[in-house]
Amino acid sequence: MLRIKQLALTATAGLLLATPPLVAQSTNPLTVHGYLSQGYAVASDNPVNGIPVRGTSDYRAAALQFRYDLTPGDAFVLQFSHRRLGVNPLQNAEDAVTLDWGFYQHRFATGTAVKLGKFAIPRGIYSETRDVGTILPFFRAPINFYYEGIETLDGIGVNHRQRVGAFGLDVSVYGGSADYVSVTRTPTLAITSAIDVDRGVGGWGWLETPISGVRIGAGLIDFHAFAPVPGTTPRELDGKLSQVSLDVTRARGFVRSEFSSLTSEMAGTEMTQQSYYAQGSLNVTEQLSLTAQADYLRGKNAGASWGRRSVDHALGVNVALNPGLVLKLEGHTTRGFNNFDRFVSPVGPAVAAKYVISSVSVSF
């Protein structure tokens, strides 16, 4: 943790020292953005998503992003984050402050941009804003679809934007490696282990339609990894993740839906996992919005029927006091086998819980 803090202070100091005196905000090559979402959450019946039955205010997401424009086409970006997940053991594997993003980007006159370093994987609607509370309709992006801990890639990414008649194209390809943390639960303890993705390549594209506010996305990721197995050495894992997205955002609200299918093979066993969700939001006034969400996950081994289903239904109320300050209250009902903070037998009955999150989100 000390090393990360030293890195953050050194990088920040270097950026500040390299910045010429402020004459006007528009001429300053250094820009700083940040966000904070602070919540209080309580669950009934079973602890879930890091939320204990007794309740917790140790529920938080924050980040600071520094961008330095070396030239009109060259930029250096650093983003540091801090997360607290209640009683979720994933947070024990994270430092108090972590480096989220750290990359150099060059944008050519043709509209093509190249990134080198650590950056968010372009996959879906919320891939770069999954913790920005003033943008999200709920405290976090859908939990069954946007898995905790699987967010970034160390490598190279290329993006190109172009108009084709009445349509707009936004296409990204990328490749690299990553380290993720997973939680394996037994009847007596929770084990956090690193998943080493030594090769990951993929692509993502958005098609902006002539209909205002309507876009369609699709992408594919192919990867090779070493996955932890309790009691033995990590095993090789090969997988493919395909995804489609629909985003309809208008002045009165939005409708959003995404579907993904993950097929993987480890030790000769093929597994398939599907995640999908739908959201609908209505702007009652300029400040008040109501949102409903249904978030699903299911999995199976080859030749078997679908099992281990997980369902999360939610209703939320957002009050935007201004664009940078939002108050939220949301209620969830969840049922299944995943995301619970205790052991759930895969051959036993599904577990259910309800939970409520109230939060304040700020950004600048």
Protein backbone atom coordinates (compact mmCIF):
# COMPACT_ATOMS: atom_id res chain seq x y z
CA MET A 1 0.00 0.00 0.00
CA LEU A 2 2.91 2.33 0.79
CA ARG A 3 4.32 1.78 -2.70
CA ILE A 4 0.99 2.74 -4.30
CA LYS A 5 0.73 5.88 -2.17
CA GLN A 6 4.29 6.89 -3.09
CA LEU A 7 3.49 6.31 -6.77
CA ALA A 8 0.35 8.45 -6.50
CA LEU A 9 2.16 11.30 -4.74
CA THR A 10 5.13 11.20 -7.10
CA ALA A 11 2.98 11.13 -10.24
CA THR A 12 0.68 13.87 -8.97
CA ALA A 13 3.59 16.08 -7.93
CA GLY A 14 5.27 15.57 -11.31
CA LEU A 15 2.14 16.58 -13.16
CA LEU A 16 1.66 19.68 -11.01
CA LEU A 17 5.28 20.78 -11.36
CA ALA A 18 5.15 20.28 -15.11
CA THR A 19 2.05 22.46 -15.43
CA PRO A 20 2.63 26.12 -16.35
CA PRO A 21 0.95 28.79 -14.17
CA LEU A 22 -2.78 29.14 -14.66
CA VAL A 23 -3.69 31.94 -17.02
CA ALA A 24 -7.11 30.65 -18.01
CA GLN A 25 -8.74 27.31 -17.28
CA SER A 26 -9.09 26.54 -20.99
CA THR A 27 -5.31 26.85 -21.57
CA ASN A 28 -4.26 24.65 -18.66
CA PRO A 29 -2.98 21.30 -20.03
CA LEU A 30 -3.72 19.58 -16.71
CA THR A 31 -7.32 18.67 -15.92
CA VAL A 32 -8.50 16.90 -12.79
CA HIS A 33 -11.76 15.00 -12.38
CA GLY A 34 -13.08 13.01 -9.48
CA TYR A 35 -16.06 11.30 -7.93
CA LEU A 36 -17.22 9.92 -4.60
CA SER A 37 -20.19 7.70 -3.78
CA GLN A 38 -20.79 7.11 -0.07
CA GLY A 39 -23.50 4.67 0.92
CA TYR A 40 -25.22 3.08 3.87
CA ALA A 41 -26.52 -0.42 3.14
CA VAL A 42 -28.42 -3.04 5.10
CA ALA A 43 -29.57 -6.56 4.17
CA SER A 44 -32.24 -8.88 5.50
CA ASP A 45 -32.00 -12.67 5.92
CA ASN A 46 -28.51 -13.10 4.37
CA PRO A 47 -25.42 -10.92 3.80
CA VAL A 48 -25.08 -10.14 0.09
CA ASN A 49 -22.77 -8.04 -2.10
CA GLY A 50 -20.74 -7.12 0.98
CA ILE A 51 -23.83 -5.87 2.84
CA PRO A 52 -24.33 -7.42 6.31
CA VAL A 53 -27.65 -7.88 8.07
CA ARG A 54 -26.51 -5.45 10.78
CA GLY A 55 -25.91 -2.75 8.13
CA THR A 56 -22.74 -0.89 7.15
CA SER A 57 -21.56 2.55 6.11
CA ASP A 58 -18.24 1.02 4.96
CA TYR A 59 -19.59 1.18 1.40
CA ARG A 60 -17.81 3.60 -0.85
CA ALA A 61 -16.31 4.25 -4.29
CA ALA A 62 -14.01 7.18 -5.04
CA ALA A 63 -11.47 8.17 -7.69
CA LEU A 64 -9.26 11.02 -8.84
CA GLN A 65 -8.27 11.29 -12.50
CA PHE A 66 -5.40 13.42 -13.77
CA ARG A 67 -5.10 14.12 -17.50
CA TYR A 68 -2.17 16.02 -18.96
CA ASP A 69 -2.45 17.11 -22.61
CA LEU A 70 1.10 17.14 -23.93
CA THR A 71 -0.14 18.30 -27.36
CA PRO A 72 -3.63 18.55 -28.90
CA GLY A 73 -3.24 14.91 -29.95
CA ASP A 74 -1.20 13.46 -27.06
CA ALA A 75 -2.41 12.85 -23.51
CA PHE A 76 -1.20 11.11 -20.36
CA VAL A 77 -3.90 9.83 -17.97
CA LEU A 78 -3.66 8.56 -14.39
CA GLN A 79 -6.64 7.48 -12.30
CA PHE A 80 -6.40 6.40 -8.66
CA SER A 81 -9.31 4.79 -6.87
CA HIS A 82 -10.46 3.79 -3.41
CA ARG A 83 -13.24 1.25 -2.76
CA ARG A 84 -14.89 -0.19 0.31
CA LEU A 85 -17.22 -3.15 -0.14
CA GLY A 86 -18.56 -3.77 3.35
CA VAL A 87 -17.82 -7.38 4.35
CA ASN A 88 -16.92 -8.55 0.84
CA PRO A 89 -13.51 -10.32 1.10
CA LEU A 90 -12.47 -8.85 -2.26
CA GLN A 91 -11.58 -5.60 -0.54
CA ASN A 92 -8.97 -7.40 1.58
CA ALA A 93 -7.04 -8.08 -1.64
CA GLU A 94 -6.97 -4.39 -2.59
CA ASP A 95 -4.78 -1.57 -1.30
CA ALA A 96 -6.46 1.47 0.23
CA VAL A 97 -5.51 3.37 -2.94
CA THR A 98 -4.99 1.56 -6.25
CA LEU A 99 -3.93 2.60 -9.73
CA ASP A 100 -7.04 2.17 -11.89
CA TRP A 101 -5.75 3.61 -15.15
CA GLY A 102 -2.34 4.70 -16.30
CA PHE A 103 -1.91 5.17 -20.02
CA TYR A 104 -0.56 7.33 -22.82
CA GLN A 105 -2.89 8.13 -25.72
CA HIS A 106 -2.21 9.55 -29.16
CA ARG A 107 -5.07 10.60 -31.42
CA PHE A 108 -4.36 10.93 -35.15
CA ALA A 109 -6.02 13.46 -37.42
CA THR A 110 -7.93 10.58 -39.03
CA GLY A 111 -9.88 10.00 -35.80
CA THR A 112 -7.89 6.93 -34.76
CA ALA A 113 -6.51 6.83 -31.20
CA VAL A 114 -3.90 4.49 -29.68
CA LYS A 115 -3.60 3.75 -25.95
CA LEU A 116 -0.59 2.19 -24.25
CA GLY A 117 -0.72 1.17 -20.59
CA LYS A 118 -3.49 0.19 -18.20
CA PHE A 119 -6.99 1.17 -19.30
CA ALA A 120 -10.65 0.19 -18.95
CA ILE A 121 -11.73 -2.71 -21.16
CA PRO A 122 -14.21 -1.30 -23.71
CA ARG A 123 -17.18 -3.63 -23.28
CA GLY A 124 -20.64 -2.25 -22.90
CA ILE A 125 -22.52 0.73 -21.61
CA TYR A 126 -20.91 1.14 -18.18
CA SER A 127 -17.35 -0.12 -18.76
CA GLU A 128 -15.74 3.28 -18.05
CA THR A 129 -18.34 4.67 -15.63
CA ARG A 130 -19.23 1.62 -13.50
CA ASP A 131 -18.50 3.47 -10.22
CA VAL A 132 -19.42 7.07 -11.18
CA GLY A 133 -22.50 7.53 -9.02
CA THR A 134 -23.70 10.80 -10.56
CA ILE A 135 -24.09 8.97 -13.90
CA LEU A 136 -25.27 5.54 -12.74
CA PRO A 137 -28.97 4.99 -11.95
CA PHE A 138 -27.98 2.80 -8.95
CA PHE A 139 -25.00 2.68 -6.58
CA ARG A 140 -23.16 0.31 -8.95
CA ALA A 141 -23.51 -1.12 -12.43
CA PRO A 142 -25.54 -4.38 -12.61
CA ILE A 143 -23.63 -6.83 -10.37
CA ASN A 144 -24.39 -10.01 -12.33
CA PHE A 145 -23.20 -8.45 -15.59
CA TYR A 146 -20.27 -6.24 -14.55
CA TYR A 147 -18.33 -8.60 -12.29
CA GLU A 148 -16.40 -7.06 -9.43
CA GLY A 149 -12.66 -6.91 -10.08
CA ILE A 150 -12.76 -7.51 -13.84
CA GLU A 151 -12.37 -4.02 -15.27
CA THR A 152 -8.99 -3.20 -16.85
CA LEU A 153 -6.27 -4.51 -19.19
CA ASP A 154 -2.50 -3.90 -19.36
CA GLY A 155 -1.59 -3.59 -23.01
CA ILE A 156 -2.50 -1.69 -26.16
CA GLY A 157 -5.82 -0.45 -27.47
CA VAL A 158 -6.82 1.16 -30.77
CA ASN A 159 -10.03 3.13 -31.24
CA HIS A 160 -11.51 4.66 -34.40
CA ARG A 161 -14.55 6.90 -34.77
CA GLN A 162 -16.16 7.70 -38.10
CA ARG A 163 -19.40 8.87 -39.65
CA VAL A 164 -20.87 6.66 -42.37
CA GLY A 165 -23.78 8.50 -43.87
CA ALA A 166 -26.41 8.94 -41.17
CA PHE A 167 -24.67 6.41 -38.89
CA GLY A 168 -21.77 6.76 -36.51
CA LEU A 169 -19.16 4.06 -35.83
CA ASP A 170 -17.02 3.76 -32.70
CA VAL A 171 -14.78 0.68 -32.94
CA SER A 172 -12.08 -0.53 -30.50
CA VAL A 173 -9.62 -3.43 -30.61
CA TYR A 174 -7.21 -4.29 -27.81
CA GLY A 175 -4.81 -6.89 -26.47
CA GLY A 176 -2.75 -7.51 -23.37
CA SER A 177 -2.74 -9.17 -19.97
CA ALA A 178 -4.37 -8.68 -16.58
CA ASP A 179 -4.58 -9.94 -13.01
CA TYR A 180 -7.98 -10.33 -11.40
CA VAL A 181 -9.09 -11.49 -7.98
CA SER A 182 -11.78 -14.11 -7.42
CA VAL A 183 -13.46 -15.42 -4.26
CA THR A 184 -13.98 -19.14 -3.67
CA ARG A 185 -16.22 -20.02 -0.72
CA THR A 186 -16.15 -23.19 1.33
CA PRO A 187 -18.38 -24.10 4.30
CA THR A 188 -15.73 -22.70 6.65
CA LEU A 189 -13.94 -19.81 4.90
CA ALA A 190 -13.66 -17.51 1.89
CA ILE A 191 -10.50 -17.77 -0.22
CA THR A 192 -9.34 -14.87 -2.42
CA SER A 193 -7.12 -15.92 -5.32
CA ALA A 194 -5.55 -14.21 -8.32
CA ILE A 195 -6.56 -15.13 -11.85
CA ASP A 196 -3.61 -14.54 -14.18
CA VAL A 197 -4.80 -13.65 -17.68
CA ASP A 198 -1.60 -13.88 -19.71
CA ARG A 199 -3.31 -13.29 -23.07
CA GLY A 200 -6.46 -11.40 -23.86
CA VAL A 201 -7.53 -9.96 -27.21
CA GLY A 202 -10.85 -8.48 -28.15
CA GLY A 203 -12.90 -5.89 -29.91
CA TRP A 204 -15.94 -3.73 -29.29
CA GLY A 205 -18.05 -1.55 -31.52
CA TRP A 206 -20.90 0.94 -31.17
CA LEU A 207 -23.25 1.75 -34.04
CA GLU A 208 -24.98 5.09 -33.53
CA THR A 209 -28.24 5.00 -35.48
CA PRO A 210 -29.97 7.92 -37.25
CA ILE A 211 -32.57 7.80 -34.43
CA SER A 212 -31.46 10.28 -31.78
CA GLY A 213 -30.22 8.59 -28.61
CA VAL A 214 -30.28 5.04 -30.00
CA ARG A 215 -27.10 2.98 -30.29
CA ILE A 216 -26.31 -0.72 -30.62
CA GLY A 217 -23.10 -2.38 -29.46
CA ALA A 218 -21.38 -5.76 -29.82
CA GLY A 219 -18.03 -7.26 -28.90
CA LEU A 220 -15.93 -10.38 -28.38
CA ILE A 221 -13.04 -11.25 -26.04
CA ASP A 222 -10.79 -14.31 -26.41
CA PHE A 223 -8.48 -15.09 -23.49
CA HIS A 224 -6.12 -17.61 -21.89
CA ALA A 225 -5.64 -17.63 -18.14
CA PHE A 226 -4.43 -19.59 -15.13
CA ALA A 227 -7.31 -19.99 -12.68
CA PRO A 228 -6.91 -20.89 -9.00
CA VAL A 229 -8.18 -24.26 -7.77
CA PRO A 230 -8.32 -24.73 -3.97
CA GLY A 231 -5.83 -27.34 -2.79
CA THR A 232 -3.84 -27.61 -6.03
CA THR A 233 -1.87 -25.57 -8.55
CA PRO A 234 -3.65 -23.15 -10.91
CA ARG A 235 -5.12 -24.71 -14.03
CA GLU A 236 -5.17 -23.38 -17.57
CA LEU A 237 -8.42 -21.77 -18.64
CA ASP A 238 -9.41 -20.83 -22.19
CA GLY A 239 -12.48 -18.71 -22.76
CA LYS A 240 -14.52 -16.52 -25.06
CA LEU A 241 -16.89 -13.75 -24.00
CA SER A 242 -19.40 -12.35 -26.50
CA GLN A 243 -21.74 -9.47 -25.77
CA VAL A 244 -24.46 -7.29 -27.32
CA SER A 245 -25.89 -4.02 -25.98
CA LEU A 246 -28.82 -1.71 -26.64
CA ASP A 247 -28.93 1.85 -25.31
CA VAL A 248 -31.93 4.11 -25.92
CA THR A 249 -31.44 7.40 -24.06
CA ARG A 250 -33.93 10.23 -24.54
CA ALA A 251 -34.84 13.42 -22.68
CA ARG A 252 -37.59 11.71 -20.65
CA GLY A 253 -35.50 8.70 -19.63
CA PHE A 254 -33.81 5.61 -20.99
CA VAL A 255 -34.12 1.91 -21.75
CA ARG A 256 -30.91 -0.15 -21.62
CA SER A 257 -30.23 -3.85 -21.97
CA GLU A 258 -27.14 -6.04 -22.38
CA PHE A 259 -26.50 -9.77 -22.88
CA SER A 260 -23.23 -11.67 -22.58
CA SER A 261 -22.22 -15.31 -22.97
CA LEU A 262 -19.00 -16.66 -21.48
CA THR A 263 -17.80 -20.06 -22.69
CA SER A 264 -14.73 -21.49 -20.99
CA GLU A 265 -12.84 -24.77 -20.79
CA MET A 266 -10.69 -25.97 -17.89
CA ALA A 267 -9.28 -29.48 -17.38
CA GLY A 268 -11.45 -30.82 -20.21
CA THR A 269 -14.69 -29.45 -18.76
CA GLU A 270 -16.62 -26.86 -20.78
CA MET A 271 -18.77 -24.32 -18.94
CA THR A 272 -21.16 -21.65 -20.17
CA GLN A 273 -22.33 -18.63 -18.21
CA GLN A 274 -24.86 -16.09 -19.44
CA SER A 275 -25.53 -12.68 -17.92
CA TYR A 276 -28.19 -10.22 -18.97
CA TYR A 277 -30.10 -7.26 -17.58
CA ALA A 278 -32.65 -4.62 -18.50
CA GLN A 279 -33.11 -1.12 -17.08
CA GLY A 280 -35.87 1.41 -17.58
CA SER A 281 -35.76 4.95 -16.20
CA LEU A 282 -38.25 7.82 -16.22
CA ASN A 283 -37.30 11.45 -15.57
CA VAL A 284 -40.32 12.64 -13.59
CA THR A 285 -38.83 16.14 -13.33
CA GLU A 286 -35.43 17.64 -14.15
CA GLN A 287 -34.23 16.59 -10.69
CA LEU A 288 -36.25 13.42 -9.93
CA SER A 289 -35.92 10.08 -11.74
CA LEU A 290 -37.28 6.58 -11.12
CA THR A 291 -35.47 3.45 -12.35
CA ALA A 292 -36.31 -0.27 -12.43
CA GLN A 293 -33.77 -3.03 -13.09
CA ALA A 294 -33.80 -6.79 -13.60
CA ASP A 295 -30.35 -8.44 -13.55
CA TYR A 296 -29.84 -12.16 -14.26
CA LEU A 297 -27.07 -14.77 -14.35
CA ARG A 298 -27.17 -18.47 -15.13
CA GLY A 299 -24.59 -21.16 -15.80
CA LYS A 300 -24.19 -24.79 -16.82
CA ASN A 301 -21.63 -27.44 -17.70
CA ALA A 302 -21.59 -28.96 -21.18
CA GLY A 303 -24.52 -31.31 -21.71
CA ALA A 304 -26.27 -30.25 -18.51
CA SER A 305 -29.35 -28.10 -17.98
CA TRP A 306 -29.14 -24.50 -16.85
CA GLY A 307 -28.54 -24.17 -13.14
CA ARG A 308 -27.09 -21.85 -10.48
CA ARG A 309 -29.37 -19.03 -11.49
CA SER A 310 -29.13 -15.65 -9.77
CA VAL A 311 -31.68 -12.87 -10.01
CA ASP A 312 -31.55 -9.29 -8.70
CA HIS A 313 -34.57 -6.98 -9.07
CA ALA A 314 -34.27 -3.33 -8.05
CA LEU A 315 -36.20 -0.07 -7.83
CA GLY A 316 -34.41 3.22 -7.32
CA VAL A 317 -35.13 6.91 -6.77
CA ASN A 318 -32.56 9.56 -7.72
CA VAL A 319 -32.70 13.22 -6.77
CA ALA A 320 -30.16 15.36 -8.64
CA LEU A 321 -29.66 18.54 -6.63
CA ASN A 322 -27.30 19.57 -9.42
CA PRO A 323 -25.35 17.62 -12.09
CA GLY A 324 -22.53 16.99 -9.62
CA LEU A 325 -24.59 16.04 -6.55
CA VAL A 326 -27.10 13.18 -6.54
CA LEU A 327 -29.02 11.54 -3.68
CA LYS A 328 -30.13 7.92 -4.14
CA LEU A 329 -32.37 5.38 -2.45
CA GLU A 330 -32.71 1.87 -3.88
CA GLY A 331 -34.26 -1.41 -2.81
CA HIS A 332 -33.25 -4.86 -4.11
CA THR A 333 -34.58 -8.38 -3.89
CA THR A 334 -32.13 -11.12 -4.85
CA ARG A 335 -32.27 -14.88 -5.09
CA GLY A 336 -29.83 -17.54 -6.27
CA PHE A 337 -26.37 -18.88 -5.55
CA ASN A 338 -23.96 -16.04 -6.35
CA ASN A 339 -22.98 -12.77 -4.62
CA PHE A 340 -23.85 -13.96 -1.11
CA ASP A 341 -21.26 -13.41 1.61
CA ARG A 342 -21.53 -16.94 2.93
CA PHE A 343 -21.22 -20.44 1.49
CA VAL A 344 -24.17 -21.53 -0.65
CA SER A 345 -24.19 -25.19 -1.69
CA PRO A 346 -24.42 -25.58 -5.50
CA VAL A 347 -26.66 -28.62 -5.02
CA GLY A 348 -28.84 -27.13 -2.30
CA PRO A 349 -31.77 -24.72 -2.47
CA ALA A 350 -31.34 -21.15 -3.68
CA VAL A 351 -30.77 -18.41 -1.09
CA ALA A 352 -32.76 -15.16 -0.95
CA ALA A 353 -32.24 -11.72 0.56
CA LYS A 354 -33.43 -8.15 0.39
CA TYR A 355 -31.19 -5.13 0.75
CA VAL A 356 -31.44 -1.34 0.71
CA ILE A 357 -28.74 1.19 -0.22
CA SER A 358 -28.98 4.92 0.44
CA SER A 359 -26.13 6.97 -0.97
CA VAL A 360 -24.76 10.39 -1.85
CA SER A 361 -22.76 10.81 -5.06
CA VAL A 362 -20.63 13.81 -6.01
CA SER A 363 -18.42 14.43 -9.04
CA PHE A 364 -16.45 17.25 -10.59
